[in-house]
């Protein structure tokens, strides 16, 4: 039974990664219709919050919206740190040191997750986990960057914000572990998106840039909130409750990189060279490594 729970949990995290792989597509489409980065991030979280309201009411009724203080704190931490600060740090890093270098730092997340898991949950660092994390990082970096790095643009502030994005992203499975097993994934997501939208609205103030939010922006914003946010984080949360080893989570979710890259090639004609293909193979191999257990790992 425990093995089946772990497999199902991994499958749900994998599905969440596939859904997150569509993020680049939605960002490109929102940019095409005139949405800035601030508007895009705000629309994503706000539309996800609005979409989760009827879902929560249908699933549990109005009474399900009443949650305890602990759950509310978890939602606030996840919304502000894992949604809000990740986006802000990553955006600043990209603008300071370039995309490829920022990606390298963002995908250090599995390392931070492993460290936090060892600190908070006394999780053991086995050879299998270390190998899986290393392969995942190398594969993700090669897939996204195709081996090209913006080394000439490196700046201390950009590096720090890039590392910050990796830390915040790596905290996601840790923060979720503090939620109660009895909490509805729908309600937890609802409040997480609410806190994220409020935080991004206060910090970024997307309405102050003079951009008019029109029909096409709302259309793509709602789809973004539905597919790559509300649906993705709901199955992600469900998967986290079934996985006992938090360090496995970001490695399994790294399928996001593969899906995003393939969508870029198929929909936008982006180049995928031999290095990128090698990266995809390594990401898939890392996921296999993290799900192939020997008795010694138990």
Protein backbone atom coordinates (compact mmCIF):
# COMPACT_ATOMS: atom_id res chain seq x y z
CA UNK A 1 0.00 0.00 0.00
CA UNK A 2 2.82 2.41 0.90
CA UNK A 3 4.56 1.60 -2.39
CA UNK A 4 1.33 2.24 -4.33
CA UNK A 5 0.87 5.58 -2.55
CA UNK A 6 4.40 6.59 -3.46
CA UNK A 7 3.89 5.62 -7.10
CA UNK A 8 0.59 7.52 -7.31
CA UNK A 9 2.19 10.52 -5.62
CA UNK A 10 5.04 10.49 -8.12
CA UNK A 11 2.57 10.20 -11.01
CA UNK A 12 0.64 13.25 -9.75
CA UNK A 13 3.84 15.29 -9.35
CA UNK A 14 4.82 14.22 -12.87
CA UNK A 15 1.43 15.40 -14.19
CA UNK A 16 1.88 18.72 -12.39
CA UNK A 17 5.26 19.09 -14.11
CA UNK A 18 3.66 18.41 -17.50
CA UNK A 19 1.06 21.11 -16.85
CA UNK A 20 3.76 23.55 -15.69
CA UNK A 21 5.53 22.84 -18.97
CA UNK A 22 2.85 24.94 -20.71
CA UNK A 23 3.89 28.08 -18.77
CA UNK A 24 6.19 29.29 -21.54
CA UNK A 25 3.41 29.01 -24.10
CA UNK A 26 1.04 31.13 -22.04
CA UNK A 27 3.75 33.69 -21.28
CA UNK A 28 4.51 34.02 -25.00
CA UNK A 29 0.84 34.40 -25.91
CA UNK A 30 0.25 37.01 -23.19
CA UNK A 31 3.33 38.88 -24.34
CA UNK A 32 1.99 38.74 -27.91
CA UNK A 33 -1.26 40.46 -26.88
CA UNK A 34 0.63 43.17 -24.99
CA UNK A 35 0.83 41.95 -21.38
CA UNK A 36 3.94 42.90 -19.41
CA UNK A 37 5.68 40.46 -17.05
CA UNK A 38 3.98 42.11 -14.06
CA UNK A 39 0.53 41.87 -15.64
CA UNK A 40 1.14 38.26 -16.67
CA UNK A 41 2.14 37.14 -13.15
CA UNK A 42 -0.75 39.02 -11.58
CA UNK A 43 -3.33 37.66 -14.05
CA UNK A 44 -2.05 34.12 -13.49
CA UNK A 45 -2.53 34.15 -9.72
CA UNK A 46 -5.75 36.21 -9.72
CA UNK A 47 -7.50 34.09 -12.35
CA UNK A 48 -6.43 30.89 -10.54
CA UNK A 49 -7.93 32.26 -7.30
CA UNK A 50 -11.22 33.15 -8.97
CA UNK A 51 -11.42 29.78 -10.74
CA UNK A 52 -10.89 27.89 -7.47
CA UNK A 53 -13.87 29.57 -5.73
CA UNK A 54 -16.65 27.60 -7.53
CA UNK A 55 -14.54 24.43 -7.34
CA UNK A 56 -14.28 24.75 -3.54
CA UNK A 57 -17.99 25.51 -3.19
CA UNK A 58 -18.95 22.50 -5.32
CA UNK A 59 -16.53 20.14 -3.58
CA UNK A 60 -17.12 21.14 0.04
CA UNK A 61 -19.70 23.90 0.23
CA UNK A 62 -19.29 27.28 1.91
CA UNK A 63 -18.22 25.64 5.18
CA UNK A 64 -15.06 24.31 3.50
CA UNK A 65 -13.79 27.87 3.13
CA UNK A 66 -13.33 28.09 6.89
CA UNK A 67 -9.81 26.96 7.74
CA UNK A 68 -7.62 26.95 10.82
CA UNK A 69 -4.79 29.32 11.62
CA UNK A 70 -2.12 26.75 10.78
CA UNK A 71 -3.58 26.13 7.32
CA UNK A 72 -3.88 29.85 6.69
CA UNK A 73 -0.22 30.36 7.65
CA UNK A 74 0.86 27.57 5.30
CA UNK A 75 -1.20 29.13 2.49
CA UNK A 76 0.29 32.56 3.18
CA UNK A 77 3.84 31.15 3.17
CA UNK A 78 3.27 29.22 -0.02
CA UNK A 79 1.54 32.10 -1.78
CA UNK A 80 4.05 34.78 -0.80
CA UNK A 81 7.29 32.77 -0.92
CA UNK A 82 6.77 29.95 -3.42
CA UNK A 83 4.55 31.87 -5.84
CA UNK A 84 5.35 35.53 -5.27
CA UNK A 85 9.02 35.72 -4.32
CA UNK A 86 10.02 33.01 -6.80
CA UNK A 87 8.53 35.06 -9.64
CA UNK A 88 10.06 38.32 -8.44
CA UNK A 89 13.57 36.92 -7.84
CA UNK A 90 13.59 35.06 -11.13
CA UNK A 91 12.38 38.10 -13.11
CA UNK A 92 15.06 40.32 -11.56
CA UNK A 93 17.74 37.68 -12.21
CA UNK A 94 16.73 37.33 -15.87
CA UNK A 95 16.85 41.10 -16.34
CA UNK A 96 20.25 41.31 -14.61
CA UNK A 97 22.28 38.28 -15.69
CA UNK A 98 20.26 36.87 -18.60
CA UNK A 99 17.96 33.90 -19.08
CA UNK A 100 20.38 30.98 -19.30
CA UNK A 101 22.37 31.92 -16.18
CA UNK A 102 19.13 32.50 -14.26
CA UNK A 103 17.88 29.07 -15.29
CA UNK A 104 21.07 27.49 -13.96
CA UNK A 105 20.47 29.06 -10.55
CA UNK A 106 16.71 28.36 -10.51
CA UNK A 107 17.27 24.68 -11.17
CA UNK A 108 19.52 24.36 -8.16
CA UNK A 109 16.16 24.00 -6.37
CA UNK A 110 16.52 20.20 -5.83
CA UNK A 111 19.70 20.83 -3.85
CA UNK A 112 17.91 23.27 -1.55
CA UNK A 113 14.93 20.92 -1.21
CA UNK A 114 17.25 18.11 -0.18
CA UNK A 115 18.97 20.34 2.39
CA UNK A 116 15.65 21.49 3.84
CA UNK A 117 14.37 17.89 3.92
CA UNK A 118 17.42 16.77 5.86
CA UNK A 119 17.02 19.71 8.27
CA UNK A 120 13.28 19.58 8.92
CA UNK A 121 12.33 15.95 8.22
CA UNK A 122 15.62 14.11 8.93
CA UNK A 123 15.56 12.67 5.41
CA UNK A 124 18.66 10.65 4.51
CA UNK A 125 20.84 11.62 1.55
CA UNK A 126 21.41 8.33 -0.26
CA UNK A 127 23.65 7.81 -3.26
CA UNK A 128 20.58 7.36 -5.46
CA UNK A 129 19.12 10.69 -4.40
CA UNK A 130 22.41 12.55 -4.84
CA UNK A 131 22.85 11.04 -8.31
CA UNK A 132 19.26 11.82 -9.31
CA UNK A 133 19.52 15.44 -8.15
CA UNK A 134 22.85 15.97 -9.94
CA UNK A 135 21.61 14.46 -13.21
CA UNK A 136 18.36 16.46 -12.97
CA UNK A 137 20.21 19.76 -12.53
CA UNK A 138 22.65 19.08 -15.39
CA UNK A 139 19.86 17.85 -17.67
CA UNK A 140 17.56 20.80 -16.92
CA UNK A 141 20.34 23.33 -17.52
CA UNK A 142 21.43 21.71 -20.80
CA UNK A 143 17.85 21.40 -22.03
CA UNK A 144 16.94 25.05 -21.43
CA UNK A 145 20.24 26.68 -22.35
CA UNK A 146 21.41 24.33 -25.14
CA UNK A 147 24.82 24.74 -23.55
CA UNK A 148 24.99 28.53 -24.05
CA UNK A 149 25.56 30.61 -20.89
CA UNK A 150 25.48 34.37 -20.42
CA UNK A 151 28.75 34.45 -18.48
CA UNK A 152 29.63 37.98 -19.62
CA UNK A 153 26.52 39.44 -17.98
CA UNK A 154 27.06 37.97 -14.52
CA UNK A 155 26.57 40.41 -11.63
CA UNK A 156 26.55 39.75 -7.90
CA UNK A 157 23.01 41.08 -7.42
CA UNK A 158 21.73 38.95 -10.31
CA UNK A 159 23.43 35.85 -8.91
CA UNK A 160 21.89 36.44 -5.48
CA UNK A 161 18.40 36.89 -6.91
CA UNK A 162 18.90 33.80 -9.07
CA UNK A 163 19.89 31.76 -6.03
CA UNK A 164 16.92 33.29 -4.20
CA UNK A 165 14.55 32.02 -6.90
CA UNK A 166 16.02 28.53 -6.49
CA UNK A 167 15.65 28.65 -2.71
CA UNK A 168 12.02 29.83 -2.92
CA UNK A 169 11.18 27.21 -5.56
CA UNK A 170 12.95 24.52 -3.54
CA UNK A 171 10.90 25.43 -0.46
CA UNK A 172 7.60 24.51 -2.15
CA UNK A 173 7.44 20.82 -1.14
CA UNK A 174 8.74 21.71 2.33
CA UNK A 175 6.07 24.32 3.02
CA UNK A 176 3.31 22.02 1.77
CA UNK A 177 4.43 19.27 4.16
CA UNK A 178 3.38 21.51 7.07
CA UNK A 179 -0.23 21.49 5.87
CA UNK A 180 -2.56 19.07 7.61
CA UNK A 181 -3.47 15.84 5.83
CA UNK A 182 -7.10 16.77 6.38
CA UNK A 183 -6.86 20.03 4.44
CA UNK A 184 -8.66 20.12 1.11
CA UNK A 185 -6.20 20.65 -1.77
CA UNK A 186 -8.79 22.88 -3.41
CA UNK A 187 -9.18 25.18 -0.40
CA UNK A 188 -5.45 25.31 0.29
CA UNK A 189 -4.82 26.31 -3.32
CA UNK A 190 -7.59 28.91 -3.16
CA UNK A 191 -5.98 30.78 -0.27
CA UNK A 192 -2.45 30.31 -1.62
CA UNK A 193 -3.45 31.97 -4.89
CA UNK A 194 -5.22 34.74 -2.97
CA UNK A 195 -2.11 35.56 -0.91
CA UNK A 196 0.06 35.37 -4.04
CA UNK A 197 -2.23 37.73 -5.97
CA UNK A 198 -2.33 40.23 -3.10
CA UNK A 199 1.44 40.11 -2.66
CA UNK A 200 2.19 40.52 -6.37
CA UNK A 201 -0.43 43.24 -6.67
CA UNK A 202 1.08 45.25 -3.81
CA UNK A 203 4.69 44.65 -4.89
CA UNK A 204 4.41 44.97 -8.68
CA UNK A 205 1.32 47.20 -9.02
CA UNK A 206 0.75 45.97 -12.61
CA UNK A 207 -2.06 48.48 -13.17
CA UNK A 208 0.37 51.42 -12.79
CA UNK A 209 2.18 50.68 -16.08
CA UNK A 210 -0.57 52.11 -18.24
CA UNK A 211 -1.43 48.70 -19.75
CA UNK A 212 -5.11 48.17 -20.55
CA UNK A 213 -6.21 44.66 -19.65
CA UNK A 214 -8.45 43.71 -22.59
CA UNK A 215 -10.32 40.61 -23.78
CA UNK A 216 -7.37 38.70 -25.29
CA UNK A 217 -5.30 39.24 -22.12
CA UNK A 218 -8.16 38.00 -19.94
CA UNK A 219 -8.68 34.98 -22.23
CA UNK A 220 -5.03 33.87 -22.07
CA UNK A 221 -4.77 34.88 -18.41
CA UNK A 222 -7.72 32.66 -17.47
CA UNK A 223 -6.29 29.72 -19.44
CA UNK A 224 -2.94 30.30 -17.75
CA UNK A 225 -4.62 30.32 -14.35
CA UNK A 226 -6.64 27.20 -15.16
CA UNK A 227 -4.11 24.87 -16.79
CA UNK A 228 -0.66 25.82 -15.49
CA UNK A 229 -1.74 27.10 -12.08
CA UNK A 230 -5.03 25.89 -10.56
CA UNK A 231 -5.01 22.40 -12.10
CA UNK A 232 -1.22 21.98 -11.82
CA UNK A 233 -0.98 22.95 -8.15
CA UNK A 234 -4.06 20.92 -7.21
CA UNK A 235 -2.55 17.66 -8.48
CA UNK A 236 0.82 18.76 -7.09
CA UNK A 237 -0.64 19.18 -3.61
CA UNK A 238 -2.41 15.81 -3.84
CA UNK A 239 0.87 14.19 -4.87
CA UNK A 240 2.81 15.75 -2.01
CA UNK A 241 0.51 14.13 0.53
CA UNK A 242 1.40 10.71 -0.92
CA UNK A 243 5.19 11.17 -1.21
CA UNK A 244 7.28 10.70 1.91
CA UNK A 245 10.60 11.87 0.42
CA UNK A 246 10.41 15.58 -0.36
CA UNK A 247 13.74 15.49 -2.23
CA UNK A 248 12.10 13.42 -5.00
CA UNK A 249 9.55 16.11 -5.79
CA UNK A 250 11.53 18.74 -7.76
CA UNK A 251 13.35 16.03 -9.71
CA UNK A 252 10.11 14.37 -10.83
CA UNK A 253 8.60 17.79 -11.58
CA UNK A 254 11.57 18.60 -13.81
CA UNK A 255 9.59 16.97 -16.64
CA UNK A 256 8.32 20.57 -16.91
CA UNK A 257 11.59 21.47 -18.67
CA UNK A 258 11.15 18.73 -21.26
CA UNK A 259 7.53 19.64 -22.02
CA UNK A 260 8.35 23.36 -22.23
CA UNK A 261 11.23 22.71 -24.62
CA UNK A 262 9.23 20.41 -26.87
CA UNK A 263 6.33 22.89 -27.01
CA UNK A 264 8.79 25.62 -27.96
CA UNK A 265 10.09 23.47 -30.82
CA UNK A 266 6.63 22.37 -32.02
CA UNK A 267 4.69 25.63 -31.65
CA UNK A 268 7.32 28.33 -32.11
CA UNK A 269 10.02 26.68 -34.19
CA UNK A 270 12.68 27.08 -31.49
CA UNK A 271 15.97 25.30 -32.08
CA UNK A 272 16.84 22.10 -30.23
CA UNK A 273 20.43 21.02 -30.76
CA UNK A 274 22.30 17.89 -29.67
CA UNK A 275 23.09 19.42 -26.27
CA UNK A 276 19.41 20.11 -25.64
CA UNK A 277 18.48 16.57 -26.66
CA UNK A 278 21.12 15.22 -24.27
CA UNK A 279 19.57 17.40 -21.55
CA UNK A 280 16.13 15.89 -22.17
CA UNK A 281 17.56 12.37 -21.94
CA UNK A 282 19.29 13.25 -18.66
CA UNK A 283 16.10 14.74 -17.16
CA UNK A 284 14.14 11.60 -18.02
CA UNK A 285 16.93 9.41 -16.64
CA UNK A 286 16.99 11.44 -13.40
CA UNK A 287 13.25 10.88 -12.95
CA UNK A 288 13.82 7.16 -13.45
CA UNK A 289 16.68 7.15 -10.93
CA UNK A 290 14.56 8.89 -8.28
CA UNK A 291 11.76 6.35 -8.73
CA UNK A 292 13.93 3.23 -8.90
CA UNK A 293 14.44 2.12 -5.34
CA UNK A 294 16.65 -0.53 -3.91
CA UNK A 295 15.99 -2.17 -0.56
CA UNK A 296 18.98 -0.34 0.88
CA UNK A 297 17.18 2.97 0.32
CA UNK A 298 14.31 2.06 2.64
